[in-house]
Amino acid sequence: MDSNETTVRVDDDGRSRVVHVNGPLDLPNAKKVCQALVESLGQSANTGRADYVSLDGLTRIDLSGLQLLCSSHRTAVSLGNNLKLADPPPWFHEVCSAAGFVRSRSTCPYRRGENCLWRD
């Protein structure tokens, strides 16, 4: 795999769907990740199943990638579900914070209860 290419895999165990992102989540690769998230969230709509984005294979992320994750969370909430991040790399929290996505004190108006994408 080219270091600038992203692969996306979706796993479904009947209780949850996990979208695995491997490689960069940046503007050139956002469409591929967006398509997988839209499909996953649509299939989980109003089922009560959990949706996750696994970031253990993430190599870098830019503002478009962070915005895509935030938008996907809003979509999940509007569909009666929730979206959570799983396995972020060690540097992820620093990038989020530098871009203004502060995970520890989010005021996201789209959170359902205390379930906000940017909170731990």
PDB file of N, CA and C in Angstrom:
ATOM      1  N   MET A   1       0.843  -1.180   0.000  1.00  0.00           N
ATOM      2  CA  MET A   1       0.000   0.000   0.000  1.00  0.00           C
ATOM      3  C   MET A   1       0.888   1.243   0.000  1.00  0.00           C
ATOM      4  N   ASP A   2       0.561   2.203  -0.844  1.00  0.00           N
ATOM      5  CA  ASP A   2       1.220   3.500  -0.879  1.00  0.00           C
ATOM      6  C   ASP A   2       0.964   4.223   0.439  1.00  0.00           C
ATOM      7  N   SER A   3       1.962   4.921   0.975  1.00  0.00           N
ATOM      8  CA  SER A   3       1.802   5.593   2.263  1.00  0.00           C
ATOM      9  C   SER A   3       0.797   6.740   2.206  1.00  0.00           C
ATOM     10  N   ASN A   4       0.394   7.145   1.011  1.00  0.00           N
ATOM     11  CA  ASN A   4      -0.600   8.207   0.864  1.00  0.00           C
ATOM     12  C   ASN A   4      -1.987   7.663   0.569  1.00  0.00           C
ATOM     13  N   GLU A   5      -2.131   6.351   0.513  1.00  0.00           N
ATOM     14  CA  GLU A   5      -3.406   5.719   0.189  1.00  0.00           C
ATOM     15  C   GLU A   5      -4.065   5.180   1.456  1.00  0.00           C
ATOM     16  N   THR A   6      -5.364   5.347   1.526  1.00  0.00           N
ATOM     17  CA  THR A   6      -6.126   4.876   2.677  1.00  0.00           C
ATOM     18  C   THR A   6      -6.947   3.659   2.288  1.00  0.00           C
ATOM     19  N   THR A   7      -6.980   2.674   3.164  1.00  0.00           N
ATOM     20  CA  THR A   7      -7.884   1.547   2.983  1.00  0.00           C
ATOM     21  C   THR A   7      -8.914   1.586   4.110  1.00  0.00           C
ATOM     22  N   VAL A   8     -10.100   1.111   3.791  1.00  0.00           N
ATOM     23  CA  VAL A   8     -11.197   1.104   4.747  1.00  0.00           C
ATOM     24  C   VAL A   8     -11.811  -0.288   4.746  1.00  0.00           C
ATOM     25  N   ARG A   9     -12.045  -0.820   5.939  1.00  0.00           N
ATOM     26  CA  ARG A   9     -12.680  -2.128   6.091  1.00  0.00           C
ATOM     27  C   ARG A   9     -13.779  -1.986   7.132  1.00  0.00           C
ATOM     28  N   VAL A  10     -14.904  -2.632   6.898  1.00  0.00           N
ATOM     29  CA  VAL A  10     -16.020  -2.588   7.845  1.00  0.00           C
ATOM     30  C   VAL A  10     -16.263  -3.988   8.383  1.00  0.00           C
ATOM     31  N   ASP A  11     -16.269  -4.109   9.704  1.00  0.00           N
ATOM     32  CA  ASP A  11     -16.593  -5.365  10.377  1.00  0.00           C
ATOM     33  C   ASP A  11     -17.926  -5.209  11.092  1.00  0.00           C
ATOM     34  N   ASP A  12     -18.725  -6.255  11.042  1.00  0.00           N
ATOM     35  CA  ASP A  12     -20.033  -6.243  11.699  1.00  0.00           C
ATOM     36  C   ASP A  12     -20.207  -7.573  12.414  1.00  0.00           C
ATOM     37  N   ASP A  13     -20.348  -7.521  13.754  1.00  0.00           N
ATOM     38  CA  ASP A  13     -20.519  -8.752  14.520  1.00  0.00           C
ATOM     39  C   ASP A  13     -21.966  -8.949  14.983  1.00  0.00           C
ATOM     40  N   GLY A  14     -22.883  -8.152  14.440  1.00  0.00           N
ATOM     41  CA  GLY A  14     -24.283  -8.272  14.823  1.00  0.00           C
ATOM     42  C   GLY A  14     -24.673  -7.335  15.956  1.00  0.00           C
ATOM     43  N   ARG A  15     -23.712  -6.926  16.768  1.00  0.00           N
ATOM     44  CA  ARG A  15     -23.981  -5.978  17.858  1.00  0.00           C
ATOM     45  C   ARG A  15     -23.415  -4.605  17.557  1.00  0.00           C
ATOM     46  N   SER A  16     -22.344  -4.566  16.751  1.00  0.00           N
ATOM     47  CA  SER A  16     -21.716  -3.295  16.430  1.00  0.00           C
ATOM     48  C   SER A  16     -21.081  -3.373  15.046  1.00  0.00           C
ATOM     49  N   ARG A  17     -20.883  -2.199  14.488  1.00  0.00           N
ATOM     50  CA  ARG A  17     -20.175  -2.074  13.211  1.00  0.00           C
ATOM     51  C   ARG A  17     -18.915  -1.261  13.487  1.00  0.00           C
ATOM     52  N   VAL A  18     -17.805  -1.704  12.938  1.00  0.00           N
ATOM     53  CA  VAL A  18     -16.541  -1.005  13.115  1.00  0.00           C
ATOM     54  C   VAL A  18     -15.976  -0.671  11.735  1.00  0.00           C
ATOM     55  N   VAL A  19     -15.751   0.613  11.512  1.00  0.00           N
ATOM     56  CA  VAL A  19     -15.111   1.075  10.290  1.00  0.00           C
ATOM     57  C   VAL A  19     -13.639   1.282  10.622  1.00  0.00           C
ATOM     58  N   HIS A  20     -12.779   0.462  10.032  1.00  0.00           N
ATOM     59  CA  HIS A  20     -11.335   0.528  10.271  1.00  0.00           C
ATOM     60  C   HIS A  20     -10.706   1.427   9.211  1.00  0.00           C
ATOM     61  N   VAL A  21     -10.018   2.460   9.656  1.00  0.00           N
ATOM     62  CA  VAL A  21      -9.330   3.386   8.754  1.00  0.00           C
ATOM     63  C   VAL A  21      -7.833   3.118   8.862  1.00  0.00           C
ATOM     64  N   ASN A  22      -7.221   2.769   7.744  1.00  0.00           N
ATOM     65  CA  ASN A  22      -5.780   2.492   7.701  1.00  0.00           C
ATOM     66  C   ASN A  22      -5.136   3.419   6.683  1.00  0.00           C
ATOM     67  N   GLY A  23      -4.208   4.241   7.171  1.00  0.00           N
ATOM     68  CA  GLY A  23      -3.544   5.222   6.314  1.00  0.00           C
ATOM     69  C   GLY A  23      -3.994   6.614   6.706  1.00  0.00           C
ATOM     70  N   PRO A  24      -3.754   7.582   5.826  1.00  0.00           N
ATOM     71  CA  PRO A  24      -4.110   8.963   6.155  1.00  0.00           C
ATOM     72  C   PRO A  24      -5.610   9.226   5.981  1.00  0.00           C
ATOM     73  N   LEU A  25      -6.139  10.048   6.858  1.00  0.00           N
ATOM     74  CA  LEU A  25      -7.513  10.548   6.710  1.00  0.00           C
ATOM     75  C   LEU A  25      -7.368  12.039   6.430  1.00  0.00           C
ATOM     76  N   ASP A  26      -7.185  12.319   5.149  1.00  0.00           N
ATOM     77  CA  ASP A  26      -6.950  13.682   4.706  1.00  0.00           C
ATOM     78  C   ASP A  26      -7.831  13.955   3.494  1.00  0.00           C
ATOM     79  N   LEU A  27      -7.737  15.158   2.953  1.00  0.00           N
ATOM     80  CA  LEU A  27      -8.613  15.555   1.867  1.00  0.00           C
ATOM     81  C   LEU A  27      -8.606  14.582   0.686  1.00  0.00           C
ATOM     82  N   PRO A  28      -7.448  14.124   0.209  1.00  0.00           N
ATOM     83  CA  PRO A  28      -7.472  13.199  -0.926  1.00  0.00           C
ATOM     84  C   PRO A  28      -8.146  11.853  -0.627  1.00  0.00           C
ATOM     85  N   ASN A  29      -8.208  11.461   0.638  1.00  0.00           N
ATOM     86  CA  ASN A  29      -8.768  10.159   0.999  1.00  0.00           C
ATOM     87  C   ASN A  29     -10.113  10.241   1.711  1.00  0.00           C
ATOM     88  N   ALA A  30     -10.603  11.433   1.950  1.00  0.00           N
ATOM     89  CA  ALA A  30     -11.831  11.610   2.728  1.00  0.00           C
ATOM     90  C   ALA A  30     -13.051  10.972   2.058  1.00  0.00           C
ATOM     91  N   LYS A  31     -13.129  11.025   0.735  1.00  0.00           N
ATOM     92  CA  LYS A  31     -14.310  10.481   0.043  1.00  0.00           C
ATOM     93  C   LYS A  31     -14.473   8.982   0.314  1.00  0.00           C
ATOM     94  N   LYS A  32     -13.385   8.250   0.279  1.00  0.00           N
ATOM     95  CA  LYS A  32     -13.428   6.802   0.503  1.00  0.00           C
ATOM     96  C   LYS A  32     -13.930   6.494   1.921  1.00  0.00           C
ATOM     97  N   VAL A  33     -13.426   7.224   2.899  1.00  0.00           N
ATOM     98  CA  VAL A  33     -13.838   7.021   4.293  1.00  0.00           C
ATOM     99  C   VAL A  33     -15.289   7.468   4.472  1.00  0.00           C
ATOM    100  N   CYS A  34     -15.649   8.594   3.860  1.00  0.00           N
ATOM    101  CA  CYS A  34     -17.019   9.101   3.950  1.00  0.00           C
ATOM    102  C   CYS A  34     -18.022   8.074   3.418  1.00  0.00           C
ATOM    103  N   GLN A  35     -17.741   7.476   2.289  1.00  0.00           N
ATOM    104  CA  GLN A  35     -18.643   6.482   1.706  1.00  0.00           C
ATOM    105  C   GLN A  35     -18.853   5.306   2.653  1.00  0.00           C
ATOM    106  N   ALA A  36     -17.789   4.837   3.272  1.00  0.00           N
ATOM    107  CA  ALA A  36     -17.906   3.721   4.212  1.00  0.00           C
ATOM    108  C   ALA A  36     -18.716   4.116   5.439  1.00  0.00           C
ATOM    109  N   LEU A  37     -18.502   5.327   5.941  1.00  0.00           N
ATOM    110  CA  LEU A  37     -19.250   5.784   7.115  1.00  0.00           C
ATOM    111  C   LEU A  37     -20.729   5.987   6.799  1.00  0.00           C
ATOM    112  N   VAL A  38     -21.028   6.569   5.654  1.00  0.00           N
ATOM    113  CA  VAL A  38     -22.435   6.774   5.271  1.00  0.00           C
ATOM    114  C   VAL A  38     -23.150   5.434   5.167  1.00  0.00           C
ATOM    115  N   GLU A  39     -22.537   4.468   4.530  1.00  0.00           N
ATOM    116  CA  GLU A  39     -23.139   3.135   4.401  1.00  0.00           C
ATOM    117  C   GLU A  39     -23.325   2.476   5.769  1.00  0.00           C
ATOM    118  N   SER A  40     -22.312   2.537   6.590  1.00  0.00           N
ATOM    119  CA  SER A  40     -22.365   1.914   7.912  1.00  0.00           C
ATOM    120  C   SER A  40     -23.446   2.556   8.779  1.00  0.00           C
ATOM    121  N   LEU A  41     -23.462   3.880   8.825  1.00  0.00           N
ATOM    122  CA  LEU A  41     -24.446   4.572   9.652  1.00  0.00           C
ATOM    123  C   LEU A  41     -25.864   4.338   9.138  1.00  0.00           C
ATOM    124  N   GLY A  42     -26.029   4.283   7.842  1.00  0.00           N
ATOM    125  CA  GLY A  42     -27.349   4.009   7.269  1.00  0.00           C
ATOM    126  C   GLY A  42     -27.869   2.632   7.637  1.00  0.00           C
ATOM    127  N   GLN A  43     -26.989   1.658   7.652  1.00  0.00           N
ATOM    128  CA  GLN A  43     -27.397   0.294   7.995  1.00  0.00           C
ATOM    129  C   GLN A  43     -27.675   0.127   9.480  1.00  0.00           C
ATOM    130  N   SER A  44     -27.092   0.987  10.299  1.00  0.00           N
ATOM    131  CA  SER A  44     -27.295   0.898  11.745  1.00  0.00           C
ATOM    132  C   SER A  44     -28.405   1.812  12.260  1.00  0.00           C
ATOM    133  N   ALA A  45     -28.992   2.601  11.380  1.00  0.00           N
ATOM    134  CA  ALA A  45     -29.982   3.599  11.796  1.00  0.00           C
ATOM    135  C   ALA A  45     -31.091   2.981  12.639  1.00  0.00           C
ATOM    136  N   ASN A  46     -31.329   3.580  13.787  1.00  0.00           N
ATOM    137  CA  ASN A  46     -32.414   3.207  14.704  1.00  0.00           C
ATOM    138  C   ASN A  46     -32.400   1.744  15.130  1.00  0.00           C
ATOM    139  N   THR A  47     -31.239   1.122  15.130  1.00  0.00           N
ATOM    140  CA  THR A  47     -31.149  -0.272  15.557  1.00  0.00           C
ATOM    141  C   THR A  47     -30.650  -0.403  16.987  1.00  0.00           C
ATOM    142  N   GLY A  48     -30.082   0.683  17.510  1.00  0.00           N
ATOM    143  CA  GLY A  48     -29.497   0.624  18.850  1.00  0.00           C
ATOM    144  C   GLY A  48     -28.113   0.000  18.857  1.00  0.00           C
ATOM    145  N   ARG A  49     -27.636  -0.369  17.689  1.00  0.00           N
ATOM    146  CA  ARG A  49     -26.293  -0.933  17.588  1.00  0.00           C
ATOM    147  C   ARG A  49     -25.256   0.172  17.643  1.00  0.00           C
ATOM    148  N   ALA A  50     -24.096  -0.152  18.108  1.00  0.00           N
ATOM    149  CA  ALA A  50     -23.023   0.833  18.203  1.00  0.00           C
ATOM    150  C   ALA A  50     -22.242   0.889  16.895  1.00  0.00           C
ATOM    151  N   ASP A  51     -21.801   2.078  16.554  1.00  0.00           N
ATOM    152  CA  ASP A  51     -20.908   2.287  15.422  1.00  0.00           C
ATOM    153  C   ASP A  51     -19.600   2.841  15.953  1.00  0.00           C
ATOM    154  N   TYR A  52     -18.506   2.314  15.438  1.00  0.00           N
ATOM    155  CA  TYR A  52     -17.177   2.755  15.861  1.00  0.00           C
ATOM    156  C   TYR A  52     -16.329   3.057  14.637  1.00  0.00           C
ATOM    157  N   VAL A  53     -15.403   3.980  14.806  1.00  0.00           N
ATOM    158  CA  VAL A  53     -14.369   4.215  13.814  1.00  0.00           C
ATOM    159  C   VAL A  53     -13.063   3.836  14.492  1.00  0.00           C
ATOM    160  N   SER A  54     -12.449   2.770  14.015  1.00  0.00           N
ATOM    161  CA  SER A  54     -11.176   2.325  14.571  1.00  0.00           C
ATOM    162  C   SER A  54     -10.050   3.079  13.879  1.00  0.00           C
ATOM    163  N   LEU A  55      -9.263   3.763  14.689  1.00  0.00           N
ATOM    164  CA  LEU A  55      -8.180   4.590  14.165  1.00  0.00           C
ATOM    165  C   LEU A  55      -6.802   3.986  14.420  1.00  0.00           C
ATOM    166  N   ASP A  56      -6.744   2.708  14.764  1.00  0.00           N
ATOM    167  CA  ASP A  56      -5.445   2.114  15.099  1.00  0.00           C
ATOM    168  C   ASP A  56      -4.481   2.090  13.918  1.00  0.00           C
ATOM    169  N   GLY A  57      -4.984   2.159  12.700  1.00  0.00           N
ATOM    170  CA  GLY A  57      -4.124   2.185  11.519  1.00  0.00           C
ATOM    171  C   GLY A  57      -3.971   3.569  10.916  1.00  0.00           C
ATOM    172  N   LEU A  58      -4.472   4.586  11.604  1.00  0.00           N
ATOM    173  CA  LEU A  58      -4.398   5.960  11.102  1.00  0.00           C
ATOM    174  C   LEU A  58      -2.954   6.448  11.128  1.00  0.00           C
ATOM    175  N   THR A  59      -2.491   7.002  10.014  1.00  0.00           N
ATOM    176  CA  THR A  59      -1.111   7.493   9.952  1.00  0.00           C
ATOM    177  C   THR A  59      -1.030   9.009  10.050  1.00  0.00           C
ATOM    178  N   ARG A  60      -2.085   9.706   9.638  1.00  0.00           N
ATOM    179  CA  ARG A  60      -2.172  11.158   9.808  1.00  0.00           C
ATOM    180  C   ARG A  60      -3.617  11.576   9.544  1.00  0.00           C
ATOM    181  N   ILE A  61      -3.947  12.773  10.020  1.00  0.00           N
ATOM    182  CA  ILE A  61      -5.293  13.313   9.815  1.00  0.00           C
ATOM    183  C   ILE A  61      -5.174  14.818   9.667  1.00  0.00           C
ATOM    184  N   ASP A  62      -5.960  15.377   8.769  1.00  0.00           N
ATOM    185  CA  ASP A  62      -5.987  16.825   8.621  1.00  0.00           C
ATOM    186  C   ASP A  62      -7.367  17.333   9.025  1.00  0.00           C
ATOM    187  N   LEU A  63      -7.579  18.633   8.864  1.00  0.00           N
ATOM    188  CA  LEU A  63      -8.836  19.228   9.293  1.00  0.00           C
ATOM    189  C   LEU A  63     -10.032  18.612   8.573  1.00  0.00           C
ATOM    190  N   SER A  64      -9.890  18.270   7.303  1.00  0.00           N
ATOM    191  CA  SER A  64     -11.014  17.657   6.586  1.00  0.00           C
ATOM    192  C   SER A  64     -11.373  16.307   7.199  1.00  0.00           C
ATOM    193  N   GLY A  65     -10.389  15.550   7.657  1.00  0.00           N
ATOM    194  CA  GLY A  65     -10.652  14.274   8.317  1.00  0.00           C
ATOM    195  C   GLY A  65     -11.357  14.456   9.646  1.00  0.00           C
ATOM    196  N   LEU A  66     -10.921  15.452  10.430  1.00  0.00           N
ATOM    197  CA  LEU A  66     -11.582  15.740  11.712  1.00  0.00           C
ATOM    198  C   LEU A  66     -13.018  16.200  11.482  1.00  0.00           C
ATOM    199  N   GLN A  67     -13.215  17.038  10.471  1.00  0.00           N
ATOM    200  CA  GLN A  67     -14.571  17.498  10.166  1.00  0.00           C
ATOM    201  C   GLN A  67     -15.452  16.350   9.693  1.00  0.00           C
ATOM    202  N   LEU A  68     -14.882  15.427   8.942  1.00  0.00           N
ATOM    203  CA  LEU A  68     -15.639  14.253   8.494  1.00  0.00           C
ATOM    204  C   LEU A  68     -16.095  13.417   9.684  1.00  0.00           C
ATOM    205  N   LEU A  69     -15.212  13.207  10.642  1.00  0.00           N
ATOM    206  CA  LEU A  69     -15.583  12.447  11.836  1.00  0.00           C
ATOM    207  C   LEU A  69     -16.690  13.169  12.610  1.00  0.00           C
ATOM    208  N   CYS A  70     -16.565  14.485  12.755  1.00  0.00           N
ATOM    209  CA  CYS A  70     -17.574  15.267  13.480  1.00  0.00           C
ATOM    210  C   CYS A  70     -18.917  15.202  12.749  1.00  0.00           C
ATOM    211  N   SER A  71     -18.900  15.375  11.444  1.00  0.00           N
ATOM    212  CA  SER A  71     -20.125  15.313  10.643  1.00  0.00           C
ATOM    213  C   SER A  71     -20.762  13.922  10.721  1.00  0.00           C
ATOM    214  N   SER A  72     -19.934  12.892  10.721  1.00  0.00           N
ATOM    215  CA  SER A  72     -20.451  11.518  10.831  1.00  0.00           C
ATOM    216  C   SER A  72     -21.126  11.306  12.179  1.00  0.00           C
ATOM    217  N   HIS A  73     -20.557  11.892  13.219  1.00  0.00           N
ATOM    218  CA  HIS A  73     -21.183  11.795  14.537  1.00  0.00           C
ATOM    219  C   HIS A  73     -22.551  12.473  14.527  1.00  0.00           C
ATOM    220  N   ARG A  74     -22.640  13.658  13.923  1.00  0.00           N
ATOM    221  CA  ARG A  74     -23.930  14.353  13.833  1.00  0.00           C
ATOM    222  C   ARG A  74     -24.940  13.505  13.069  1.00  0.00           C
ATOM    223  N   THR A  75     -24.497  12.888  11.986  1.00  0.00           N
ATOM    224  CA  THR A  75     -25.379  12.017  11.212  1.00  0.00           C
ATOM    225  C   THR A  75     -25.857  10.847  12.055  1.00  0.00           C
ATOM    226  N   ALA A  76     -24.956  10.224  12.781  1.00  0.00           N
ATOM    227  CA  ALA A  76     -25.336   9.091  13.644  1.00  0.00           C
ATOM    228  C   ALA A  76     -26.388   9.515  14.657  1.00  0.00           C
ATOM    229  N   VAL A  77     -26.179  10.662  15.299  1.00  0.00           N
ATOM    230  CA  VAL A  77     -27.144  11.144  16.296  1.00  0.00           C
ATOM    231  C   VAL A  77     -28.495  11.406  15.642  1.00  0.00           C
ATOM    232  N   SER A  78     -28.489  11.992  14.449  1.00  0.00           N
ATOM    233  CA  SER A  78     -29.761  12.275  13.771  1.00  0.00           C
ATOM    234  C   SER A  78     -30.488  10.991  13.376  1.00  0.00           C
ATOM    235  N   LEU A  79     -29.748   9.892  13.225  1.00  0.00           N
ATOM    236  CA  LEU A  79     -30.340   8.601  12.873  1.00  0.00           C
ATOM    237  C   LEU A  79     -30.689   7.769  14.102  1.00  0.00           C
ATOM    238  N   GLY A  80     -30.545   8.349  15.290  1.00  0.00           N
ATOM    239  CA  GLY A  80     -30.886   7.640  16.517  1.00  0.00           C
ATOM    240  C   GLY A  80     -29.797   6.724  17.035  1.00  0.00           C
ATOM    241  N   ASN A  81     -28.587   6.916  16.581  1.00  0.00           N
ATOM    242  CA  ASN A  81     -27.463   6.081  17.004  1.00  0.00           C
ATOM    243  C   ASN A  81     -26.367   6.946  17.591  1.00  0.00           C
ATOM    244  N   ASN A  82     -25.246   6.340  17.825  1.00  0.00           N
ATOM    245  CA  ASN A  82     -24.084   7.053  18.308  1.00  0.00           C
ATOM    246  C   ASN A  82     -22.863   6.521  17.577  1.00  0.00           C
ATOM    247  N   LEU A  83     -21.864   7.352  17.454  1.00  0.00           N
ATOM    248  CA  LEU A  83     -20.614   6.979  16.811  1.00  0.00           C
ATOM    249  C   LEU A  83     -19.497   7.262  17.793  1.00  0.00           C
ATOM    250  N   LYS A  84     -18.609   6.309  17.941  1.00  0.00           N
ATOM    251  CA  LYS A  84     -17.488   6.476  18.869  1.00  0.00           C
ATOM    252  C   LYS A  84     -16.182   6.178  18.154  1.00  0.00           C
ATOM    253  N   LEU A  85     -15.132   6.809  18.640  1.00  0.00           N
ATOM    254  CA  LEU A  85     -13.794   6.552  18.129  1.00  0.00           C
ATOM    255  C   LEU A  85     -13.153   5.457  18.956  1.00  0.00           C
ATOM    256  N   ALA A  86     -12.406   4.589  18.293  1.00  0.00           N
ATOM    257  CA  ALA A  86     -11.721   3.499  18.989  1.00  0.00           C
ATOM    258  C   ALA A  86     -10.255   3.475  18.572  1.00  0.00           C
ATOM    259  N   ASP A  87      -9.413   3.154  19.506  1.00  0.00           N
ATOM    260  CA  ASP A  87      -7.991   2.898  19.252  1.00  0.00           C
ATOM    261  C   ASP A  87      -7.253   4.039  18.552  1.00  0.00           C
ATOM    262  N   PRO A  88      -7.431   5.288  19.005  1.00  0.00           N
ATOM    263  CA  PRO A  88      -6.683   6.361  18.341  1.00  0.00           C
ATOM    264  C   PRO A  88      -5.188   6.231  18.634  1.00  0.00           C
ATOM    265  N   PRO A  89      -4.345   6.609  17.669  1.00  0.00           N
ATOM    266  CA  PRO A  89      -2.905   6.573  17.914  1.00  0.00           C
ATOM    267  C   PRO A  89      -2.519   7.605  18.971  1.00  0.00           C
ATOM    268  N   PRO A  90      -1.359   7.459  19.586  1.00  0.00           N
ATOM    269  CA  PRO A  90      -0.946   8.342  20.679  1.00  0.00           C
ATOM    270  C   PRO A  90      -0.963   9.833  20.319  1.00  0.00           C
ATOM    271  N   TRP A  91      -0.669  10.179  19.103  1.00  0.00           N
ATOM    272  CA  TRP A  91      -0.588  11.571  18.679  1.00  0.00           C
ATOM    273  C   TRP A  91      -1.947  12.187  18.364  1.00  0.00           C
ATOM    274  N   PHE A  92      -3.002  11.377  18.285  1.00  0.00           N
ATOM    275  CA  PHE A  92      -4.314  11.842  17.833  1.00  0.00           C
ATOM    276  C   PHE A  92      -4.889  12.951  18.716  1.00  0.00           C
ATOM    277  N   HIS A  93      -4.812  12.793  20.036  1.00  0.00           N
ATOM    278  CA  HIS A  93      -5.395  13.789  20.941  1.00  0.00           C
ATOM    279  C   HIS A  93      -4.735  15.155  20.766  1.00  0.00           C
ATOM    280  N   GLU A  94      -3.443  15.165  20.535  1.00  0.00           N
ATOM    281  CA  GLU A  94      -2.728  16.420  20.337  1.00  0.00           C
ATOM    282  C   GLU A  94      -3.191  17.116  19.049  1.00  0.00           C
ATOM    283  N   VAL A  95      -3.364  16.351  17.989  1.00  0.00           N
ATOM    284  CA  VAL A  95      -3.839  16.919  16.724  1.00  0.00           C
ATOM    285  C   VAL A  95      -5.250  17.476  16.886  1.00  0.00           C
ATOM    286  N   CYS A  96      -6.106  16.724  17.566  1.00  0.00           N
ATOM    287  CA  CYS A  96      -7.480  17.197  17.810  1.00  0.00           C
ATOM    288  C   CYS A  96      -7.468  18.513  18.571  1.00  0.00           C
ATOM    289  N   SER A  97      -6.696  18.568  19.617  1.00  0.00           N
ATOM    290  CA  SER A  97      -6.617  19.762  20.451  1.00  0.00           C
ATOM    291  C   SER A  97      -6.090  20.953  19.657  1.00  0.00           C
ATOM    292  N   ALA A  98      -5.060  20.749  18.850  1.00  0.00           N
ATOM    293  CA  ALA A  98      -4.478  21.831  18.054  1.00  0.00           C
ATOM    294  C   ALA A  98      -5.482  22.380  17.041  1.00  0.00           C
ATOM    295  N   ALA A  99      -6.384  21.527  16.578  1.00  0.00           N
ATOM    296  CA  ALA A  99      -7.403  21.948  15.607  1.00  0.00           C
ATOM    297  C   ALA A  99      -8.667  22.496  16.274  1.00  0.00           C
ATOM    298  N   GLY A 100      -8.708  22.477  17.611  1.00  0.00           N
ATOM    299  CA  GLY A 100      -9.872  23.005  18.323  1.00  0.00           C
ATOM    300  C   GLY A 100     -10.900  21.963  18.709  1.00  0.00           C
ATOM    301  N   PHE A 101     -10.624  20.711  18.446  1.00  0.00           N
ATOM    302  CA  PHE A 101     -11.514  19.626  18.835  1.00  0.00           C
ATOM    303  C   PHE A 101     -11.020  19.079  20.177  1.00  0.00           C
ATOM    304  N   VAL A 102     -11.418  19.730  21.246  1.00  0.00           N
ATOM    305  CA  VAL A 102     -10.924  19.394  22.574  1.00  0.00           C
ATOM    306  C   VAL A 102     -11.794  18.302  23.168  1.00  0.00           C
ATOM    307  N   ARG A 103     -11.230  17.128  23.328  1.00  0.00           N
ATOM    308  CA  ARG A 103     -11.981  15.952  23.754  1.00  0.00           C
ATOM    309  C   ARG A 103     -12.419  16.009  25.209  1.00  0.00           C
ATOM    310  N   SER A 104     -11.773  16.775  26.032  1.00  0.00           N
ATOM    311  CA  SER A 104     -12.090  16.731  27.454  1.00  0.00           C
ATOM    312  C   SER A 104     -13.192  17.699  27.868  1.00  0.00           C
ATOM    313  N   ARG A 105     -13.480  18.708  27.070  1.00  0.00           N
ATOM    314  CA  ARG A 105     -14.496  19.668  27.476  1.00  0.00           C
ATOM    315  C   ARG A 105     -15.349  20.145  26.304  1.00  0.00           C
ATOM    316  N   SER A 106     -15.789  19.240  25.509  1.00  0.00           N
ATOM    317  CA  SER A 106     -16.565  19.582  24.329  1.00  0.00           C
ATOM    318  C   SER A 106     -17.915  20.189  24.695  1.00  0.00           C
ATOM    319  N   THR A 107     -18.324  21.143  23.909  1.00  0.00           N
ATOM    320  CA  THR A 107     -19.657  21.734  24.043  1.00  0.00           C
ATOM    321  C   THR A 107     -20.495  21.404  22.814  1.00  0.00           C
ATOM    322  N   CYS A 108     -20.244  20.276  22.247  1.00  0.00           N
ATOM    323  CA  CYS A 108     -20.927  19.844  21.029  1.00  0.00           C
ATOM    324  C   CYS A 108     -22.440  19.844  21.219  1.00  0.00           C
ATOM    325  N   PRO A 109     -23.171  20.593  20.399  1.00  0.00           N
ATOM    326  CA  PRO A 109     -24.623  20.611  20.523  1.00  0.00           C
ATOM    327  C   PRO A 109     -25.284  19.340  19.997  1.00  0.00           C
ATOM    328  N   TYR A 110     -24.514  18.472  19.355  1.00  0.00           N
ATOM    329  CA  TYR A 110     -25.076  17.260  18.766  1.00  0.00           C
ATOM    330  C   TYR A 110     -24.943  16.036  19.646  1.00  0.00           C
ATOM    331  N   ARG A 111     -24.325  16.192  20.808  1.00  0.00           N
ATOM    332  CA  ARG A 111     -24.150  15.008  21.639  1.00  0.00           C
ATOM    333  C   ARG A 111     -25.494  14.542  22.173  1.00  0.00           C
ATOM    334  N   ARG A 112     -25.576  13.279  22.387  1.00  0.00           N
ATOM    335  CA  ARG A 112     -26.787  12.673  22.932  1.00  0.00           C
ATOM    336  C   ARG A 112     -26.432  12.263  24.344  1.00  0.00           C
ATOM    337  N   GLY A 113     -26.987  12.999  25.318  1.00  0.00           N
ATOM    338  CA  GLY A 113     -26.568  12.789  26.692  1.00  0.00           C
ATOM    339  C   GLY A 113     -25.134  13.246  26.807  1.00  0.00           C
ATOM    340  N   GLU A 114     -24.289  12.419  27.338  1.00  0.00           N
ATOM    341  CA  GLU A 114     -22.876  12.762  27.444  1.00  0.00           C
ATOM    342  C   GLU A 114     -22.043  12.099  26.347  1.00  0.00           C
ATOM    343  N   ASN A 115     -22.688  11.502  25.379  1.00  0.00           N
ATOM    344  CA  ASN A 115     -21.972  10.819  24.326  1.00  0.00           C
ATOM    345  C   ASN A 115     -21.583  11.790  23.212  1.00  0.00           C
ATOM    346  N   CYS A 116     -20.399  12.331  23.325  1.00  0.00           N
ATOM    347  CA  CYS A 116     -19.881  13.235  22.322  1.00  0.00           C
ATOM    348  C   CYS A 116     -18.628  12.601  21.725  1.00  0.00           C
ATOM    349  N   LEU A 117     -18.461  12.750  20.439  1.00  0.00           N
ATOM    350  CA  LEU A 117     -17.329  12.148  19.753  1.00  0.00           C
ATOM    351  C   LEU A 117     -15.995  12.586  20.336  1.00  0.00           C
ATOM    352  N   TRP A 118     -15.904  13.815  20.801  1.00  0.00           N
ATOM    353  CA  TRP A 118     -14.631  14.370  21.229  1.00  0.00           C
ATOM    354  C   TRP A 118     -14.378  14.190  22.726  1.00  0.00           C
ATOM    355  N   ARG A 119     -15.252  13.503  23.407  1.00  0.00           N
ATOM    356  CA  ARG A 119     -15.038  13.223  24.835  1.00  0.00           C
ATOM    357  C   ARG A 119     -14.526  11.811  25.008  1.00  0.00           C
ATOM    358  N   ASP A 120     -13.700  11.630  26.000  1.00  0.00           N
ATOM    359  CA  ASP A 120     -13.219  10.276  26.322  1.00  0.00           C
ATOM    360  C   ASP A 120     -14.272   9.547  27.119  1.00  0.00           C
TER     361      ASP A 120
END
